[in-house]
Amino acid sequence: MSPTETLHALAELAQDRQHPVPSPCVSVCRMDPRSGLCLGCWRDIDEIISWGRMDEDGKRVVWQAISERLSTQPG
């Protein structure tokens, strides 16, 4: 499964309020200088830094942003 496919699967789990929100980290930690997003998890640096301190609702907001970012990408 590619990192993008993994993110799509995790995004679905993130919406399940019966379980903790999963981390979007897929161990591909490289920032794109053009977009400012991690090429693995599609978070910006502030989202990455803040993740551990976020509550579940805050994490779901980040997941929504990731899903929107992924939906605008070709392929």
Protein backbone atom coordinates (compact mmCIF):
# COMPACT_ATOMS: atom_id res chain seq x y z
CA MET A 1 0.00 0.00 0.00
CA SER A 2 1.40 3.42 -0.94
CA PRO A 3 1.63 6.24 1.63
CA THR A 4 -1.30 7.98 -0.08
CA GLU A 5 -3.43 4.83 0.03
CA THR A 6 -2.54 4.45 3.71
CA LEU A 7 -3.60 8.05 4.37
CA HIS A 8 -6.96 7.47 2.67
CA ALA A 9 -7.57 4.39 4.84
CA LEU A 10 -6.53 6.22 8.02
CA ALA A 11 -8.74 9.19 7.10
CA GLU A 12 -11.75 6.89 7.24
CA LEU A 13 -10.73 5.61 10.67
CA ALA A 14 -10.28 9.18 11.91
CA GLN A 15 -14.01 9.81 11.49
CA ASP A 16 -14.98 6.89 13.75
CA ARG A 17 -15.73 8.53 17.09
CA GLN A 18 -15.66 5.17 18.88
CA HIS A 19 -11.88 4.92 18.53
CA PRO A 20 -8.93 7.24 19.14
CA VAL A 21 -7.98 9.35 16.12
CA PRO A 22 -5.01 7.70 14.38
CA SER A 23 -1.86 9.61 13.58
CA PRO A 24 -1.47 10.42 9.90
CA CYS A 25 2.27 9.73 10.07
CA VAL A 26 3.30 7.13 7.49
CA SER A 27 7.05 7.39 8.22
CA VAL A 28 7.84 9.39 5.09
CA CYS A 29 9.08 12.51 6.85
CA ARG A 30 10.16 14.96 4.18
CA MET A 31 8.87 18.51 3.81
CA ASP A 32 8.03 19.88 0.37
CA PRO A 33 9.58 23.36 0.22
CA ARG A 34 6.97 24.53 -2.32
CA SER A 35 3.84 23.53 -0.44
CA GLY A 36 5.18 23.47 3.11
CA LEU A 37 3.57 20.05 3.59
CA CYS A 38 5.10 16.75 4.59
CA LEU A 39 5.23 14.48 1.54
CA GLY A 40 4.13 11.54 3.69
CA CYS A 41 1.32 12.76 5.91
CA TRP A 42 0.31 15.98 4.13
CA ARG A 43 0.44 18.02 7.35
CA ASP A 44 2.16 21.37 7.67
CA ILE A 45 4.85 21.84 10.29
CA ASP A 46 2.49 23.47 12.80
CA GLU A 47 0.07 20.54 12.54
CA ILE A 48 2.91 18.07 13.02
CA ILE A 49 4.30 19.90 16.06
CA SER A 50 0.87 20.36 17.68
CA TRP A 51 -0.48 16.86 17.04
CA GLY A 52 0.51 15.37 20.41
CA ARG A 53 -1.20 18.18 22.32
CA MET A 54 -4.43 18.21 20.30
CA ASP A 55 -7.69 16.81 21.54
CA GLU A 56 -9.59 14.33 19.41
CA ASP A 57 -11.73 17.02 17.77
CA GLY A 58 -8.64 19.03 16.85
CA LYS A 59 -7.10 15.95 15.30
CA ARG A 60 -10.25 15.40 13.25
CA VAL A 61 -9.98 18.97 11.96
CA VAL A 62 -6.43 18.20 10.80
CA TRP A 63 -7.65 15.00 9.17
CA GLN A 64 -10.31 16.99 7.32
CA ALA A 65 -7.59 19.34 6.03
CA ILE A 66 -5.48 16.35 4.94
CA SER A 67 -8.46 14.83 3.12
CA GLU A 68 -9.12 18.11 1.32
CA ARG A 69 -5.45 18.38 0.34
CA LEU A 70 -5.43 14.84 -0.98
CA SER A 71 -8.61 15.39 -2.99
CA THR A 72 -7.01 18.24 -4.92
CA GLN A 73 -4.04 16.13 -6.03
CA PRO A 74 -3.96 14.42 -9.41
CA GLY A 75 -4.08 10.64 -9.43
